[in-house]
């Protein structure tokens, strides 16, 4: 595989290319029904003024982990965040590892939760969310 192909494949997020995730350099590690594991190696432009992960970055990582879990039972499915709640526990540093899980999935919605841990395994943040499940091409907000 050529270098450009490798870079492109690294930013396919469980079968979907999301330009924002490519820019952040979020990587999908594992994807199975009901669960997704992702990671983000923090770099200076993702920090806040205290040299820790910016809160918006933490929220994004939680959102992405839950969204991936929300569509994990059907690779053709896409999801849109409807509601999300986040609790911050400690500053995020180094590589952030997130695990998102579904708690309930219906035809139209997925209810999820996620946690982010730092390299020492300490809890950085946790969140819960509701995701609208959409099939591409239906015209119901699928972009």
N, C-alpha and C. Protein backbone atom coordinates (compact mmCIF):
# COMPACT_ATOMS: atom_id res chain seq x y z
N UNK A 1 0.84 -1.17 0.00
CA UNK A 1 0.00 0.00 0.00
C UNK A 1 0.89 1.24 0.00
N UNK A 2 0.59 2.23 -0.82
CA UNK A 2 1.36 3.46 -0.88
C UNK A 2 1.13 4.27 0.39
N UNK A 3 2.05 5.18 0.69
CA UNK A 3 1.96 6.00 1.90
C UNK A 3 0.63 6.76 1.96
N UNK A 4 0.20 7.33 0.85
CA UNK A 4 -1.06 8.07 0.82
C UNK A 4 -2.24 7.15 1.12
N UNK A 5 -2.19 5.92 0.58
CA UNK A 5 -3.26 4.96 0.84
C UNK A 5 -3.29 4.56 2.30
N UNK A 6 -2.10 4.38 2.90
CA UNK A 6 -2.01 4.01 4.30
C UNK A 6 -2.59 5.12 5.17
N UNK A 7 -2.24 6.38 4.88
CA UNK A 7 -2.76 7.50 5.65
C UNK A 7 -4.27 7.58 5.52
N UNK A 8 -4.77 7.38 4.31
CA UNK A 8 -6.21 7.42 4.08
C UNK A 8 -6.91 6.31 4.86
N UNK A 9 -6.36 5.09 4.81
CA UNK A 9 -6.96 3.95 5.51
C UNK A 9 -6.95 4.18 7.01
N UNK A 10 -5.90 4.84 7.53
CA UNK A 10 -5.82 5.10 8.96
C UNK A 10 -6.94 6.02 9.42
N UNK A 11 -7.51 6.79 8.51
CA UNK A 11 -8.56 7.71 8.89
C UNK A 11 -9.94 7.26 8.41
N UNK A 12 -10.07 6.02 8.02
CA UNK A 12 -11.39 5.43 7.81
C UNK A 12 -11.84 4.99 9.20
N UNK A 13 -12.92 5.57 9.67
CA UNK A 13 -13.35 5.32 11.03
C UNK A 13 -14.46 4.28 11.04
N UNK A 14 -14.05 3.02 11.18
CA UNK A 14 -14.98 1.90 11.16
C UNK A 14 -15.86 1.96 9.92
N UNK A 15 -15.20 2.18 8.76
CA UNK A 15 -15.89 2.16 7.48
C UNK A 15 -16.40 3.49 6.99
N UNK A 16 -16.17 4.56 7.73
CA UNK A 16 -16.66 5.88 7.35
C UNK A 16 -15.52 6.89 7.44
N UNK A 17 -15.37 7.73 6.43
CA UNK A 17 -14.36 8.79 6.50
C UNK A 17 -15.02 10.04 7.07
N UNK A 18 -14.50 10.52 8.20
CA UNK A 18 -15.00 11.73 8.85
C UNK A 18 -13.84 12.71 8.88
N UNK A 19 -13.86 13.75 8.04
CA UNK A 19 -12.72 14.68 7.96
C UNK A 19 -12.29 15.25 9.31
N UNK A 20 -13.22 15.60 10.18
CA UNK A 20 -12.87 16.16 11.48
C UNK A 20 -12.07 15.16 12.32
N UNK A 21 -12.46 13.89 12.28
CA UNK A 21 -11.72 12.87 13.04
C UNK A 21 -10.34 12.65 12.45
N UNK A 22 -10.23 12.76 11.13
CA UNK A 22 -8.91 12.66 10.49
C UNK A 22 -8.03 13.81 10.94
N UNK A 23 -8.58 15.02 11.00
CA UNK A 23 -7.79 16.18 11.44
C UNK A 23 -7.35 16.03 12.88
N UNK A 24 -8.24 15.54 13.75
CA UNK A 24 -7.87 15.31 15.15
C UNK A 24 -6.87 14.17 15.28
N UNK A 25 -6.89 13.25 14.32
CA UNK A 25 -6.06 12.04 14.31
C UNK A 25 -6.56 11.02 15.34
N UNK A 26 -7.88 10.90 15.44
CA UNK A 26 -8.50 9.88 16.29
C UNK A 26 -8.43 8.55 15.55
N UNK A 27 -8.06 7.50 16.26
CA UNK A 27 -7.94 6.18 15.65
C UNK A 27 -8.90 5.19 16.30
N UNK A 28 -9.58 4.43 15.46
CA UNK A 28 -10.43 3.35 15.94
C UNK A 28 -9.57 2.14 16.21
N UNK A 29 -9.69 1.57 17.39
CA UNK A 29 -8.90 0.40 17.77
C UNK A 29 -9.66 -0.90 17.64
N UNK A 30 -10.91 -0.87 18.09
CA UNK A 30 -11.71 -2.10 18.10
C UNK A 30 -13.18 -1.71 17.95
N UNK A 31 -13.90 -2.52 17.18
CA UNK A 31 -15.31 -2.25 16.92
C UNK A 31 -16.03 -3.58 16.87
N UNK A 32 -16.92 -3.79 17.80
CA UNK A 32 -17.73 -5.01 17.82
C UNK A 32 -19.13 -4.63 18.27
N UNK A 33 -20.10 -5.48 18.04
CA UNK A 33 -21.48 -5.11 18.41
C UNK A 33 -21.58 -4.65 19.86
N UNK A 34 -22.06 -3.42 20.00
CA UNK A 34 -22.27 -2.86 21.32
C UNK A 34 -21.10 -2.12 21.93
N UNK A 35 -19.94 -2.11 21.25
CA UNK A 35 -18.77 -1.49 21.86
C UNK A 35 -17.79 -0.98 20.81
N UNK A 36 -17.15 0.15 21.14
CA UNK A 36 -16.09 0.70 20.29
C UNK A 36 -14.98 1.23 21.19
N UNK A 37 -13.74 0.99 20.77
CA UNK A 37 -12.56 1.50 21.48
C UNK A 37 -11.79 2.40 20.52
N UNK A 38 -11.47 3.61 20.99
CA UNK A 38 -10.74 4.57 20.17
C UNK A 38 -9.63 5.20 20.99
N UNK A 39 -8.68 5.84 20.29
CA UNK A 39 -7.63 6.55 21.02
C UNK A 39 -7.26 7.83 20.31
N UNK A 40 -6.74 8.75 21.09
CA UNK A 40 -6.24 10.02 20.58
C UNK A 40 -4.96 10.34 21.32
N UNK A 41 -3.88 10.49 20.56
CA UNK A 41 -2.62 10.95 21.13
C UNK A 41 -2.68 12.47 21.13
N UNK A 42 -2.68 13.05 22.33
CA UNK A 42 -2.78 14.50 22.43
C UNK A 42 -1.53 15.17 21.87
N UNK A 43 -1.75 16.30 21.20
CA UNK A 43 -0.66 17.14 20.72
C UNK A 43 -0.95 18.56 21.19
N UNK A 44 0.04 19.44 21.20
CA UNK A 44 -0.12 20.76 21.82
C UNK A 44 -1.33 21.56 21.34
N UNK A 45 -1.68 21.47 20.08
CA UNK A 45 -2.81 22.27 19.59
C UNK A 45 -4.16 21.76 20.10
N UNK A 46 -4.19 20.64 20.79
CA UNK A 46 -5.43 20.11 21.37
C UNK A 46 -5.51 20.38 22.88
N UNK A 47 -4.52 21.11 23.40
CA UNK A 47 -4.45 21.42 24.83
C UNK A 47 -5.20 22.70 25.18
N UNK A 48 -5.52 22.82 26.44
CA UNK A 48 -6.02 24.08 26.98
C UNK A 48 -4.82 24.88 27.53
N UNK A 49 -5.09 25.96 28.24
CA UNK A 49 -4.00 26.79 28.76
C UNK A 49 -3.23 26.12 29.90
N UNK A 50 -3.71 24.99 30.39
CA UNK A 50 -3.04 24.26 31.47
C UNK A 50 -2.27 23.04 30.95
N UNK A 51 -2.11 22.96 29.62
CA UNK A 51 -1.38 21.86 28.97
C UNK A 51 -2.04 20.49 29.17
N UNK A 52 -3.36 20.49 29.27
CA UNK A 52 -4.13 19.25 29.33
C UNK A 52 -5.13 19.29 28.18
N UNK A 53 -5.80 18.18 27.93
CA UNK A 53 -6.78 18.12 26.85
C UNK A 53 -7.85 19.19 27.03
N UNK A 54 -8.12 19.94 25.98
CA UNK A 54 -9.20 20.93 26.00
C UNK A 54 -10.51 20.19 26.24
N UNK A 55 -11.43 20.80 26.97
CA UNK A 55 -12.72 20.17 27.25
C UNK A 55 -13.48 19.79 26.00
N UNK A 56 -13.36 20.60 24.95
CA UNK A 56 -14.03 20.28 23.69
C UNK A 56 -13.47 19.03 23.05
N UNK A 57 -12.18 18.80 23.22
CA UNK A 57 -11.56 17.59 22.70
C UNK A 57 -12.06 16.38 23.47
N UNK A 58 -12.12 16.51 24.79
CA UNK A 58 -12.63 15.42 25.63
C UNK A 58 -14.07 15.08 25.24
N UNK A 59 -14.90 16.11 25.07
CA UNK A 59 -16.29 15.88 24.66
C UNK A 59 -16.37 15.19 23.31
N UNK A 60 -15.53 15.60 22.38
CA UNK A 60 -15.52 14.99 21.05
C UNK A 60 -15.14 13.52 21.12
N UNK A 61 -14.12 13.19 21.90
CA UNK A 61 -13.68 11.79 22.01
C UNK A 61 -14.81 10.94 22.61
N UNK A 62 -15.47 11.44 23.63
CA UNK A 62 -16.61 10.70 24.20
C UNK A 62 -17.71 10.52 23.17
N UNK A 63 -18.04 11.60 22.46
CA UNK A 63 -19.10 11.57 21.44
C UNK A 63 -18.78 10.54 20.36
N UNK A 64 -17.55 10.53 19.89
CA UNK A 64 -17.14 9.62 18.83
C UNK A 64 -17.19 8.16 19.30
N UNK A 65 -16.73 7.91 20.52
CA UNK A 65 -16.76 6.54 21.04
C UNK A 65 -18.19 6.03 21.16
N UNK A 66 -19.08 6.89 21.65
CA UNK A 66 -20.48 6.48 21.77
C UNK A 66 -21.14 6.33 20.41
N UNK A 67 -20.86 7.26 19.49
CA UNK A 67 -21.44 7.18 18.15
C UNK A 67 -21.01 5.91 17.43
N UNK A 68 -19.74 5.54 17.58
CA UNK A 68 -19.26 4.31 16.95
C UNK A 68 -19.97 3.10 17.55
N UNK A 69 -20.15 3.09 18.86
CA UNK A 69 -20.88 1.99 19.50
C UNK A 69 -22.33 1.97 19.02
N UNK A 70 -22.92 3.15 18.83
CA UNK A 70 -24.33 3.25 18.43
C UNK A 70 -24.60 2.65 17.06
N UNK A 71 -23.60 2.60 16.19
CA UNK A 71 -23.79 2.03 14.85
C UNK A 71 -23.06 0.70 14.69
N UNK A 72 -22.55 0.15 15.77
CA UNK A 72 -21.72 -1.05 15.70
C UNK A 72 -22.46 -2.31 15.29
N UNK A 73 -23.77 -2.34 15.40
CA UNK A 73 -24.52 -3.52 15.01
C UNK A 73 -24.86 -3.53 13.52
N UNK A 74 -24.62 -2.38 12.83
CA UNK A 74 -24.96 -2.26 11.42
C UNK A 74 -23.99 -1.26 10.76
N UNK A 75 -22.96 -1.75 10.09
CA UNK A 75 -21.96 -0.85 9.50
C UNK A 75 -22.52 0.17 8.51
N UNK A 76 -23.68 -0.09 7.92
CA UNK A 76 -24.29 0.87 6.99
C UNK A 76 -25.00 2.00 7.73
N UNK A 77 -25.23 1.84 9.00
CA UNK A 77 -25.95 2.83 9.80
C UNK A 77 -25.08 4.05 10.03
N UNK A 78 -25.73 5.21 10.12
CA UNK A 78 -25.07 6.44 10.55
C UNK A 78 -25.86 6.94 11.75
N UNK A 79 -25.23 7.77 12.57
CA UNK A 79 -25.91 8.28 13.75
C UNK A 79 -25.67 9.78 13.89
N UNK A 80 -26.63 10.42 14.54
CA UNK A 80 -26.55 11.85 14.83
C UNK A 80 -26.78 12.01 16.33
N UNK A 81 -25.92 12.77 16.97
CA UNK A 81 -26.06 13.00 18.41
C UNK A 81 -27.30 13.83 18.69
N UNK A 82 -28.15 13.33 19.60
CA UNK A 82 -29.37 14.03 20.00
C UNK A 82 -29.15 14.71 21.36
N UNK A 83 -28.49 14.01 22.27
CA UNK A 83 -28.27 14.53 23.62
C UNK A 83 -26.99 13.91 24.17
N UNK A 84 -26.27 14.70 24.97
CA UNK A 84 -25.03 14.19 25.54
C UNK A 84 -24.75 14.89 26.86
N UNK A 85 -24.29 14.12 27.82
CA UNK A 85 -23.92 14.65 29.13
C UNK A 85 -22.49 14.19 29.43
N UNK A 86 -21.67 15.08 29.98
CA UNK A 86 -20.27 14.77 30.25
C UNK A 86 -19.92 15.16 31.68
N UNK A 87 -19.15 14.29 32.33
CA UNK A 87 -18.58 14.59 33.64
C UNK A 87 -17.07 14.50 33.52
N UNK A 88 -16.38 15.57 33.91
CA UNK A 88 -14.92 15.63 33.86
C UNK A 88 -14.37 15.24 35.23
N UNK A 89 -13.41 14.31 35.25
CA UNK A 89 -12.85 13.83 36.51
C UNK A 89 -11.46 14.40 36.79
N UNK A 90 -10.61 14.42 35.77
CA UNK A 90 -9.23 14.89 35.93
C UNK A 90 -8.71 15.34 34.58
N UNK A 91 -7.61 16.10 34.55
CA UNK A 91 -7.06 16.55 33.27
C UNK A 91 -6.62 15.37 32.40
N UNK A 92 -6.88 15.48 31.12
CA UNK A 92 -6.44 14.46 30.17
C UNK A 92 -5.05 14.79 29.66
N UNK A 93 -4.15 13.82 29.75
CA UNK A 93 -2.78 14.00 29.27
C UNK A 93 -2.35 12.77 28.49
N UNK A 94 -1.35 12.93 27.64
CA UNK A 94 -0.80 11.78 26.91
C UNK A 94 -1.77 11.23 25.89
N UNK A 95 -1.91 9.93 25.89
CA UNK A 95 -2.84 9.24 24.98
C UNK A 95 -4.14 8.97 25.71
N UNK A 96 -5.23 9.43 25.12
CA UNK A 96 -6.55 9.19 25.70
C UNK A 96 -7.16 7.95 25.07
N UNK A 97 -7.59 7.01 25.89
CA UNK A 97 -8.25 5.79 25.43
C UNK A 97 -9.70 5.86 25.85
N UNK A 98 -10.60 5.74 24.88
CA UNK A 98 -12.04 5.80 25.16
C UNK A 98 -12.71 4.50 24.77
N UNK A 99 -13.67 4.10 25.58
CA UNK A 99 -14.51 2.95 25.29
C UNK A 99 -15.95 3.42 25.34
N UNK A 100 -16.67 3.21 24.25
CA UNK A 100 -18.08 3.53 24.18
C UNK A 100 -18.89 2.25 24.13
N UNK A 101 -20.04 2.25 24.80
CA UNK A 101 -20.90 1.06 24.83
C UNK A 101 -22.36 1.46 24.66
N UNK A 102 -23.12 0.60 24.04
CA UNK A 102 -24.56 0.81 23.99
C UNK A 102 -25.18 0.23 25.25
N UNK A 103 -26.21 0.90 25.72
CA UNK A 103 -26.98 0.36 26.85
C UNK A 103 -28.34 -0.13 26.36
N UNK A 104 -28.91 0.58 25.37
CA UNK A 104 -30.18 0.19 24.75
C UNK A 104 -30.16 0.65 23.30
N UNK A 105 -30.59 -0.21 22.40
CA UNK A 105 -30.67 0.15 20.99
C UNK A 105 -32.06 -0.19 20.48
N UNK A 106 -32.70 0.80 19.86
CA UNK A 106 -33.98 0.57 19.21
C UNK A 106 -33.78 0.79 17.71
N UNK A 107 -34.83 0.66 16.95
CA UNK A 107 -34.72 0.90 15.50
C UNK A 107 -34.27 2.33 15.22
N UNK A 108 -34.72 3.29 16.03
CA UNK A 108 -34.48 4.71 15.76
C UNK A 108 -33.41 5.35 16.64
N UNK A 109 -33.17 4.79 17.82
CA UNK A 109 -32.25 5.44 18.75
C UNK A 109 -31.29 4.44 19.39
N UNK A 110 -30.14 4.97 19.78
CA UNK A 110 -29.18 4.20 20.58
C UNK A 110 -28.83 5.03 21.81
N UNK A 111 -28.89 4.40 22.96
CA UNK A 111 -28.54 5.02 24.22
C UNK A 111 -27.18 4.45 24.62
N UNK A 112 -26.23 5.34 24.90
CA UNK A 112 -24.85 4.91 25.07
C UNK A 112 -24.18 5.56 26.28
N UNK A 113 -23.03 5.00 26.63
CA UNK A 113 -22.17 5.58 27.65
C UNK A 113 -20.73 5.37 27.21
N UNK A 114 -19.83 6.20 27.74
CA UNK A 114 -18.41 6.09 27.39
C UNK A 114 -17.55 6.59 28.53
N UNK A 115 -16.31 6.10 28.54
CA UNK A 115 -15.31 6.56 29.50
C UNK A 115 -14.01 6.83 28.75
N UNK A 116 -13.26 7.80 29.24
CA UNK A 116 -11.91 8.06 28.75
C UNK A 116 -10.96 7.84 29.91
N UNK A 117 -9.88 7.14 29.63
CA UNK A 117 -8.83 6.91 30.63
C UNK A 117 -7.49 7.42 30.09
N UNK A 118 -6.62 7.81 31.01
CA UNK A 118 -5.29 8.29 30.64
C UNK A 118 -4.31 7.12 30.60
N UNK A 119 -3.04 7.37 30.27
CA UNK A 119 -2.08 6.25 30.17
C UNK A 119 -1.90 5.45 31.46
N UNK A 120 -2.19 6.05 32.61
CA UNK A 120 -2.09 5.33 33.89
C UNK A 120 -3.37 4.57 34.21
N UNK A 121 -4.36 4.67 33.33
CA UNK A 121 -5.63 3.98 33.56
C UNK A 121 -6.60 4.77 34.43
N UNK A 122 -6.26 6.02 34.73
CA UNK A 122 -7.14 6.85 35.56
C UNK A 122 -8.27 7.43 34.73
N UNK A 123 -9.44 7.52 35.35
CA UNK A 123 -10.62 8.03 34.67
C UNK A 123 -10.49 9.54 34.45
N UNK A 124 -10.54 9.95 33.19
CA UNK A 124 -10.46 11.37 32.82
C UNK A 124 -11.87 11.96 32.74
N UNK A 125 -12.78 11.26 32.07
CA UNK A 125 -14.14 11.75 31.90
C UNK A 125 -15.05 10.58 31.55
N UNK A 126 -16.33 10.81 31.77
CA UNK A 126 -17.32 9.84 31.35
C UNK A 126 -18.51 10.61 30.79
N UNK A 127 -19.27 9.92 29.98
CA UNK A 127 -20.41 10.58 29.37
C UNK A 127 -21.50 9.59 29.04
N UNK A 128 -22.66 10.15 28.75
CA UNK A 128 -23.78 9.35 28.25
C UNK A 128 -24.42 10.14 27.14
N UNK A 129 -25.06 9.42 26.22
CA UNK A 129 -25.66 10.11 25.10
C UNK A 129 -26.78 9.32 24.44
N UNK A 130 -27.56 10.05 23.66
CA UNK A 130 -28.63 9.47 22.86
C UNK A 130 -28.33 9.81 21.41
N UNK A 131 -28.42 8.82 20.54
CA UNK A 131 -28.06 8.98 19.13
C UNK A 131 -29.21 8.52 18.24
N UNK A 132 -29.58 9.37 17.29
CA UNK A 132 -30.59 9.03 16.28
C UNK A 132 -29.92 8.18 15.23
N UNK A 133 -30.48 7.04 14.94
CA UNK A 133 -29.93 6.12 13.94
C UNK A 133 -30.58 6.42 12.59
N UNK A 134 -29.77 6.64 11.56
CA UNK A 134 -30.28 6.97 10.23
C UNK A 134 -29.56 6.13 9.18
N UNK A 135 -30.29 5.78 8.14
CA UNK A 135 -29.69 5.10 6.98
C UNK A 135 -29.32 6.18 5.98
N UNK A 136 -28.10 6.15 5.43
CA UNK A 136 -27.72 7.16 4.44
C UNK A 136 -28.68 7.19 3.26
N UNK A 137 -28.97 8.41 2.79
CA UNK A 137 -29.84 8.56 1.63
C UNK A 137 -31.30 8.72 1.95
N UNK A 138 -31.66 8.66 3.22
CA UNK A 138 -33.08 8.77 3.59
C UNK A 138 -33.54 10.22 3.67
N UNK A 139 -32.60 11.17 3.71
CA UNK A 139 -32.97 12.57 3.78
C UNK A 139 -33.40 13.03 5.14
N UNK A 140 -33.02 12.30 6.18
CA UNK A 140 -33.43 12.71 7.54
C UNK A 140 -32.23 13.20 8.35
N UNK A 141 -31.43 14.08 7.74
CA UNK A 141 -30.31 14.66 8.45
C UNK A 141 -29.01 13.90 8.27
N UNK A 142 -28.96 13.04 7.25
CA UNK A 142 -27.76 12.22 7.06
C UNK A 142 -26.66 12.95 6.29
N UNK A 143 -26.81 14.22 6.04
CA UNK A 143 -25.74 14.99 5.43
C UNK A 143 -25.84 15.07 3.96
